[in-house]
Amino acid sequence: MNAPAFWADFRSDTVTRPTPQMLAAMNAAPVGDDVLGDDPTVQLLEAKTAERFGMDAGLFCPSGTMTNQIAINVHTRPGDELICSPLAHVYNYEGGGVAFNSGVQIRVAGDAYGRVSPEDIRGALQPQDNVHAAPTRLVVLENTSNKGGGTCLGLAAIRAAGAVARENQLAFHLDGARLWNALVHDRESPEDYGSLFDSISLCFSKGLGAPVGSVLVGNRDFIQQARRIRKRFGGGMRQAGYLAAAALYALDHHVERLSDDHRRASQIESFLKQLPWVTECKPVATNIVIFRLADGCDARQLQSHLAAQGIGISAMDARWLRAVTHYDVEDRAVDALCAGLGSFSPNRA
């Protein structure tokens, strides 16, 4: 199949391609065999990422789904239960991996923006001494929240949730697929996050634009266990340094520029609010714009209208759509999207 002919692709921040500078860094990377433990570029990426978050060690994996699934597997045992938002990626978009890989079930709690409060966690806790209930072992947060519209959770709320987890001897994991966006938006410290969580999954192939890769960080014992689970899941890679070099380049050059993506997303949000056939737009903080069409409008009609102009957006269901900004969509692409939205005339049922 041919790739979609979108010149302005807002479907996701995963559609980015390496810049010439990133490709040059990949081409120049010294490599070894990471499964044998001697790829220097992978080792550098793992150490640099862990150091930035004040944690002991890191583990380079092909995807954020794998880093999340490894963390869940290490923190739990079959028959346990974890708590997360009903919007969480681990609940909605990881192919049932929590159940398939770890034999763990999920209890959801939280609001429509991906936030999970201390009260939500307390209300979802299963008593450890109740033989009829799956014991709660883990709390998973996601920052930013993808389905929540790029919501930033904020350190104060995370600290409060973490305190409940510690009070109840629960492990605390962060799906930080877009944590870089939250750090830039809220001007927060990575070390603060490292002090709060037992493990953090950090993705380089979304806003930072690397072609592949996520790093799982935690303490040394946790990462040693995680390395074994990565092998079991088939995630060992050989000359992975070429991929790690892209992530290293992104870490050094693409973090602060995320503010440009946030500005462009806010511009799209402002335009959408003027359209009579848009009934709701989730508040935009970072690079994700999620909006709802009026009753009788069909998301596929809007997608087709925009696609005819070379513009791609994604539909979350028949009414909700998502546009995501990234470094491959510049101001002219945002102008084109707004013009395309403005020229749309829905055929309501």
Protein backbone atom coordinates (compact mmCIF):
# COMPACT_ATOMS: atom_id res chain seq x y z
CA MET A 1 0.00 0.00 0.00
CA ASN A 2 1.17 3.53 -0.76
CA ALA A 3 1.73 5.95 2.10
CA PRO A 4 -0.99 8.62 2.53
CA ALA A 5 -0.25 11.63 0.35
CA PHE A 6 -0.51 14.14 3.18
CA TRP A 7 1.75 17.15 2.99
CA ALA A 8 0.29 18.40 6.29
CA ASP A 9 -0.04 15.35 8.53
CA PHE A 10 -1.72 16.02 11.87
CA ARG A 11 -2.71 12.39 12.52
CA SER A 12 -0.05 11.95 15.22
CA ASP A 13 3.35 13.16 16.35
CA THR A 14 4.57 9.65 15.48
CA VAL A 15 4.58 10.43 11.74
CA THR A 16 7.74 12.56 11.88
CA ARG A 17 10.82 11.55 9.92
CA PRO A 18 14.44 12.00 10.99
CA THR A 19 15.99 15.33 10.12
CA PRO A 20 19.18 15.35 8.03
CA GLN A 21 21.14 16.14 11.20
CA MET A 22 19.56 13.19 13.01
CA LEU A 23 20.35 10.89 10.10
CA ALA A 24 23.95 12.06 10.17
CA ALA A 25 24.16 11.28 13.89
CA MET A 26 22.74 7.82 13.26
CA ASN A 27 25.21 7.18 10.44
CA ALA A 28 28.15 8.18 12.63
CA ALA A 29 27.11 6.19 15.71
CA PRO A 30 29.54 3.63 17.15
CA VAL A 31 27.67 0.36 17.66
CA GLY A 32 28.07 -3.09 19.16
CA ASP A 33 25.61 -5.83 20.06
CA ASP A 34 23.18 -4.57 22.68
CA VAL A 35 21.94 -8.06 23.58
CA LEU A 36 25.51 -8.90 24.49
CA GLY A 37 25.70 -5.61 26.39
CA ASP A 38 28.40 -3.86 24.38
CA ASP A 39 26.67 -1.24 22.25
CA PRO A 40 28.23 2.04 23.44
CA THR A 41 25.58 4.33 21.96
CA VAL A 42 22.75 2.43 23.63
CA GLN A 43 24.65 2.52 26.91
CA LEU A 44 25.12 6.27 26.57
CA LEU A 45 21.42 6.86 25.89
CA GLU A 46 20.34 4.70 28.83
CA ALA A 47 22.79 6.36 31.21
CA LYS A 48 22.04 9.90 30.03
CA THR A 49 18.27 9.45 30.28
CA ALA A 50 18.48 7.87 33.73
CA GLU A 51 20.82 10.60 34.94
CA ARG A 52 18.49 13.32 33.71
CA PHE A 53 15.72 11.88 35.90
CA GLY A 54 17.99 11.17 38.85
CA MET A 55 17.47 7.42 38.54
CA ASP A 56 19.97 4.57 38.59
CA ALA A 57 19.64 3.00 35.17
CA GLY A 58 17.72 2.79 31.92
CA LEU A 59 16.66 0.20 29.35
CA PHE A 60 16.29 0.98 25.65
CA CYS A 61 13.28 -0.69 23.98
CA PRO A 62 11.59 -0.52 20.58
CA SER A 63 8.40 1.17 21.81
CA GLY A 64 6.59 2.85 24.66
CA THR A 65 4.11 0.00 24.69
CA MET A 66 6.97 -2.39 25.44
CA THR A 67 8.43 -0.21 28.22
CA ASN A 68 4.99 0.08 29.82
CA GLN A 69 4.35 -3.64 29.52
CA ILE A 70 7.76 -4.52 30.95
CA ALA A 71 7.22 -2.19 33.90
CA ILE A 72 3.80 -3.70 34.64
CA ASN A 73 5.25 -7.20 34.43
CA VAL A 74 8.05 -6.41 36.88
CA HIS A 75 5.81 -4.57 39.36
CA THR A 76 3.03 -7.18 39.49
CA ARG A 77 2.29 -10.89 39.46
CA PRO A 78 -0.57 -12.79 37.78
CA GLY A 79 -3.91 -12.19 39.47
CA ASP A 80 -3.05 -8.68 40.61
CA GLU A 81 -4.86 -5.48 39.70
CA LEU A 82 -3.59 -2.06 38.66
CA ILE A 83 -5.33 1.30 38.81
CA CYS A 84 -5.22 3.77 35.92
CA SER A 85 -7.33 6.36 34.15
CA PRO A 86 -10.11 5.11 31.85
CA LEU A 87 -8.29 7.10 29.15
CA ALA A 88 -4.89 5.51 29.79
CA HIS A 89 -2.82 4.16 26.93
CA VAL A 90 -2.13 0.94 28.86
CA TYR A 91 -5.89 0.39 29.05
CA ASN A 92 -6.97 1.46 25.57
CA TYR A 93 -4.10 1.08 23.13
CA GLU A 94 -1.77 -1.73 24.12
CA GLY A 95 -3.67 -4.66 22.66
CA GLY A 96 -4.78 -6.19 25.94
CA GLY A 97 -1.13 -6.60 26.89
CA VAL A 98 -1.74 -6.11 30.60
CA ALA A 99 -3.84 -9.27 30.65
CA PHE A 100 -1.93 -11.21 27.99
CA ASN A 101 1.61 -10.48 29.17
CA SER A 102 1.16 -10.26 32.93
CA GLY A 103 -2.18 -11.82 33.86
CA VAL A 104 -3.21 -8.57 35.53
CA GLN A 105 -6.59 -6.86 35.42
CA ILE A 106 -7.34 -3.14 35.39
CA ARG A 107 -9.58 -0.97 37.53
CA VAL A 108 -10.15 2.49 36.09
CA ALA A 109 -10.69 5.75 37.96
CA GLY A 110 -10.34 9.42 37.14
CA ASP A 111 -11.84 12.27 35.14
CA ALA A 112 -12.42 13.03 31.45
CA TYR A 113 -8.96 14.56 31.07
CA GLY A 114 -6.81 11.67 32.24
CA ARG A 115 -6.31 12.90 35.79
CA VAL A 116 -6.41 10.45 38.72
CA SER A 117 -6.83 12.02 42.16
CA PRO A 118 -5.91 10.59 45.57
CA GLU A 119 -9.64 10.10 46.21
CA ASP A 120 -9.95 8.18 42.93
CA ILE A 121 -7.13 5.85 43.98
CA ARG A 122 -8.52 5.29 47.47
CA GLY A 123 -11.95 4.53 46.02
CA ALA A 124 -10.49 1.94 43.62
CA LEU A 125 -8.25 0.13 46.11
CA GLN A 126 -8.96 -3.54 46.68
CA PRO A 127 -8.41 -4.82 50.23
CA GLN A 128 -5.30 -6.98 50.40
CA ASP A 129 -6.98 -9.42 52.83
CA ASN A 130 -10.12 -9.95 50.71
CA VAL A 131 -9.68 -13.33 48.98
CA HIS A 132 -12.56 -12.50 46.62
CA ALA A 133 -10.76 -9.46 45.16
CA ALA A 134 -7.70 -9.08 42.97
CA PRO A 135 -5.12 -7.30 45.15
CA THR A 136 -4.11 -3.83 44.01
CA ARG A 137 -0.35 -3.71 43.33
CA LEU A 138 0.29 -0.79 41.00
CA VAL A 139 -0.87 2.71 40.06
CA VAL A 140 -0.16 3.90 36.51
CA LEU A 141 -0.39 7.56 35.53
CA GLU A 142 0.02 9.03 32.03
CA ASN A 143 1.52 12.49 31.53
CA THR A 144 0.58 14.04 29.23
CA SER A 145 -2.75 12.28 28.77
CA ASN A 146 -3.25 11.43 25.10
CA LYS A 147 -7.02 10.84 25.15
CA GLY A 148 -7.37 13.63 27.69
CA GLY A 149 -6.25 16.13 25.05
CA GLY A 150 -2.59 16.47 26.02
CA THR A 151 -3.47 17.25 29.63
CA CYS A 152 -0.55 17.98 31.96
CA LEU A 153 -1.09 16.35 35.34
CA GLY A 154 1.21 18.67 37.28
CA LEU A 155 3.69 17.73 39.98
CA ALA A 156 1.45 18.73 42.89
CA ALA A 157 -1.30 16.31 41.82
CA ILE A 158 1.25 13.60 41.07
CA ARG A 159 2.82 13.97 44.52
CA ALA A 160 -0.60 13.61 46.13
CA ALA A 161 -1.36 10.46 44.11
CA GLY A 162 2.08 9.07 44.87
CA ALA A 163 1.56 9.57 48.59
CA VAL A 164 -1.53 7.35 48.46
CA ALA A 165 0.41 4.72 46.53
CA ARG A 166 3.18 4.72 49.15
CA GLU A 167 0.72 4.61 52.04
CA ASN A 168 -0.70 1.42 50.57
CA GLN A 169 2.62 -0.17 49.50
CA LEU A 170 1.73 0.13 45.81
CA ALA A 171 4.23 0.48 42.98
CA PHE A 172 3.96 3.76 41.05
CA HIS A 173 4.65 3.86 37.29
CA LEU A 174 4.49 6.77 34.84
CA ASP A 175 3.68 6.35 31.17
CA GLY A 176 5.70 9.37 30.07
CA ALA A 177 5.23 8.93 26.32
CA ARG A 178 4.79 12.70 26.09
CA LEU A 179 6.36 13.69 29.39
CA TRP A 180 8.78 15.89 27.46
CA ASN A 181 5.80 18.04 26.45
CA ALA A 182 4.67 18.37 30.06
CA LEU A 183 8.17 19.27 31.24
CA VAL A 184 8.42 22.05 28.66
CA HIS A 185 4.88 23.35 29.24
CA ASP A 186 5.02 23.32 33.05
CA ARG A 187 8.76 24.08 33.35
CA GLU A 188 9.16 21.14 35.68
CA SER A 189 12.30 19.26 36.69
CA PRO A 190 12.93 15.70 35.43
CA GLU A 191 14.63 14.93 38.75
CA ASP A 192 11.39 15.67 40.58
CA TYR A 193 9.66 13.01 38.51
CA GLY A 194 12.45 10.55 39.19
CA SER A 195 12.01 11.06 42.92
CA LEU A 196 8.28 10.32 42.77
CA PHE A 197 7.99 7.22 40.59
CA ASP A 198 9.35 3.69 40.84
CA SER A 199 9.60 3.59 37.04
CA ILE A 200 9.08 5.93 34.09
CA SER A 201 8.62 5.12 30.41
CA LEU A 202 9.99 7.84 28.12
CA CYS A 203 9.31 7.90 24.39
CA PHE A 204 11.59 9.46 21.78
CA SER A 205 9.51 8.73 18.64
CA LYS A 206 6.66 11.17 19.34
CA GLY A 207 7.34 14.85 19.96
CA LEU A 208 11.10 14.40 19.87
CA GLY A 209 10.92 12.89 16.40
CA ALA A 210 13.22 9.86 16.58
CA PRO A 211 12.11 7.03 14.29
CA VAL A 212 11.99 4.36 17.02
CA GLY A 213 12.52 3.92 20.70
CA SER A 214 11.65 4.40 24.35
CA VAL A 215 13.71 4.18 27.52
CA LEU A 216 12.46 2.71 30.78
CA VAL A 217 14.17 4.16 33.85
CA GLY A 218 14.20 2.97 37.46
CA ASN A 219 16.52 1.68 40.15
CA ARG A 220 19.27 -0.79 39.30
CA ASP A 221 17.47 -3.91 40.53
CA PHE A 222 14.29 -2.96 38.69
CA ILE A 223 16.13 -2.40 35.41
CA GLN A 224 17.97 -5.71 35.78
CA GLN A 225 14.63 -7.48 36.08
CA ALA A 226 13.27 -5.39 33.22
CA ARG A 227 16.15 -6.48 30.99
CA ARG A 228 15.18 -10.11 31.52
CA ILE A 229 11.54 -9.36 30.68
CA ARG A 230 12.59 -7.44 27.55
CA LYS A 231 14.39 -10.59 26.39
CA ARG A 232 11.32 -12.69 27.17
CA PHE A 233 9.12 -10.29 25.18
CA GLY A 234 11.48 -10.48 22.20
CA GLY A 235 12.67 -6.90 22.56
CA GLY A 236 16.41 -7.48 22.40
CA MET A 237 18.07 -5.60 19.54
CA ARG A 238 21.57 -6.02 18.11
CA GLN A 239 23.18 -2.92 16.54
CA ALA A 240 20.58 -0.77 18.23
CA GLY A 241 23.05 2.09 18.58
CA TYR A 242 21.94 3.47 15.22
CA LEU A 243 18.47 3.92 16.69
CA ALA A 244 19.76 5.11 20.06
CA ALA A 245 21.80 7.77 18.25
CA ALA A 246 18.58 9.26 16.88
CA ALA A 247 17.11 9.38 20.40
CA LEU A 248 20.30 10.99 21.74
CA TYR A 249 20.17 13.65 19.04
CA ALA A 250 16.51 14.29 19.84
CA LEU A 251 17.27 14.56 23.55
CA ASP A 252 19.93 17.19 22.88
CA HIS A 253 18.16 19.20 20.17
CA HIS A 254 14.40 18.65 20.07
CA VAL A 255 13.09 19.13 23.61
CA GLU A 256 12.84 22.90 23.97
CA ARG A 257 11.35 23.31 20.50
CA LEU A 258 8.23 21.48 21.73
CA SER A 259 6.91 24.91 22.75
CA ASP A 260 6.44 25.65 19.03
CA ASP A 261 4.13 22.64 18.79
CA HIS A 262 2.15 23.84 21.80
CA ARG A 263 1.73 27.31 20.28
CA ARG A 264 0.46 25.85 17.01
CA ALA A 265 -1.98 23.56 18.80
CA SER A 266 -3.41 26.54 20.68
CA GLN A 267 -3.90 28.32 17.37
CA ILE A 268 -5.91 25.37 16.04
CA GLU A 269 -7.98 25.26 19.24
CA SER A 270 -8.84 28.96 18.92
CA PHE A 271 -10.01 28.47 15.35
CA LEU A 272 -12.09 25.39 16.16
CA LYS A 273 -13.99 27.27 18.86
CA GLN A 274 -15.33 29.62 16.17
CA LEU A 275 -16.90 26.84 14.10
CA PRO A 276 -20.64 26.24 14.61
CA TRP A 277 -20.38 22.48 13.95
CA VAL A 278 -17.76 21.96 16.70
CA THR A 279 -19.53 21.45 20.03
CA GLU A 280 -16.58 20.83 22.31
CA CYS A 281 -12.81 21.16 22.29
CA LYS A 282 -10.81 19.70 25.16
CA PRO A 283 -8.59 22.40 26.71
CA VAL A 284 -5.26 22.49 24.88
CA ALA A 285 -2.11 22.63 26.97
CA THR A 286 0.44 20.90 24.78
CA ASN A 287 0.40 19.50 21.24
CA ILE A 288 -2.88 17.54 21.10
CA VAL A 289 -6.19 19.02 19.96
CA ILE A 290 -9.29 16.85 20.50
CA PHE A 291 -12.66 18.17 19.38
CA ARG A 292 -16.25 16.92 19.01
CA LEU A 293 -18.55 17.39 16.04
CA ALA A 294 -22.18 18.35 16.42
CA ASP A 295 -24.82 15.64 16.27
CA GLY A 296 -25.49 14.61 12.72
CA CYS A 297 -21.94 15.37 11.54
CA ASP A 298 -19.69 12.50 10.52
CA ALA A 299 -15.97 12.48 11.28
CA ARG A 300 -15.29 10.60 8.05
CA GLN A 301 -16.76 13.46 6.00
CA LEU A 302 -14.37 15.92 7.59
CA GLN A 303 -11.42 13.58 7.15
CA SER A 304 -12.23 13.13 3.46
CA HIS A 305 -12.67 16.87 2.96
CA LEU A 306 -9.26 17.56 4.47
CA ALA A 307 -7.55 14.62 2.77
CA ALA A 308 -8.56 16.02 -0.62
CA GLN A 309 -6.41 19.02 0.29
CA GLY A 310 -3.47 16.91 1.46
CA ILE A 311 -4.25 17.31 5.16
CA GLY A 312 -4.50 14.38 7.57
CA ILE A 313 -6.21 14.21 10.95
CA SER A 314 -7.36 11.18 12.96
CA ALA A 315 -10.83 10.16 14.12
CA MET A 316 -11.20 8.75 17.63
CA ASP A 317 -14.81 7.71 16.92
CA ALA A 318 -17.72 8.97 14.81
CA ARG A 319 -17.78 12.37 16.57
CA TRP A 320 -14.41 13.00 18.18
CA LEU A 321 -11.34 13.90 16.12
CA ARG A 322 -7.73 14.62 16.98
CA ALA A 323 -5.09 16.86 15.44
CA VAL A 324 -1.52 16.64 16.75
CA THR A 325 1.23 19.16 16.09
CA HIS A 326 4.91 18.21 15.69
CA TYR A 327 8.07 19.46 14.05
CA ASP A 328 7.02 18.30 10.57
CA VAL A 329 4.02 20.69 10.53
CA GLU A 330 5.04 24.32 10.38
CA ASP A 331 2.92 27.47 10.47
CA ARG A 332 1.83 27.14 6.84
CA ALA A 333 0.45 23.66 7.59
CA VAL A 334 -1.56 25.06 10.51
CA ASP A 335 -2.89 27.82 8.23
CA ALA A 336 -3.89 25.18 5.67
CA LEU A 337 -5.65 23.07 8.32
CA CYS A 338 -7.62 26.07 9.56
CA ALA A 339 -8.56 27.01 6.00
CA GLY A 340 -9.68 23.43 5.35
CA LEU A 341 -11.75 23.39 8.53
CA GLY A 342 -13.27 26.74 7.61
CA SER A 343 -14.36 25.54 4.17
CA PHE A 344 -16.06 22.39 5.49
CA SER A 345 -19.86 22.23 5.18
CA PRO A 346 -21.14 19.17 7.05
CA ASN A 347 -23.95 17.13 5.53
CA ARG A 348 -25.95 16.42 8.65
CA ALA A 349 -28.14 13.34 8.80
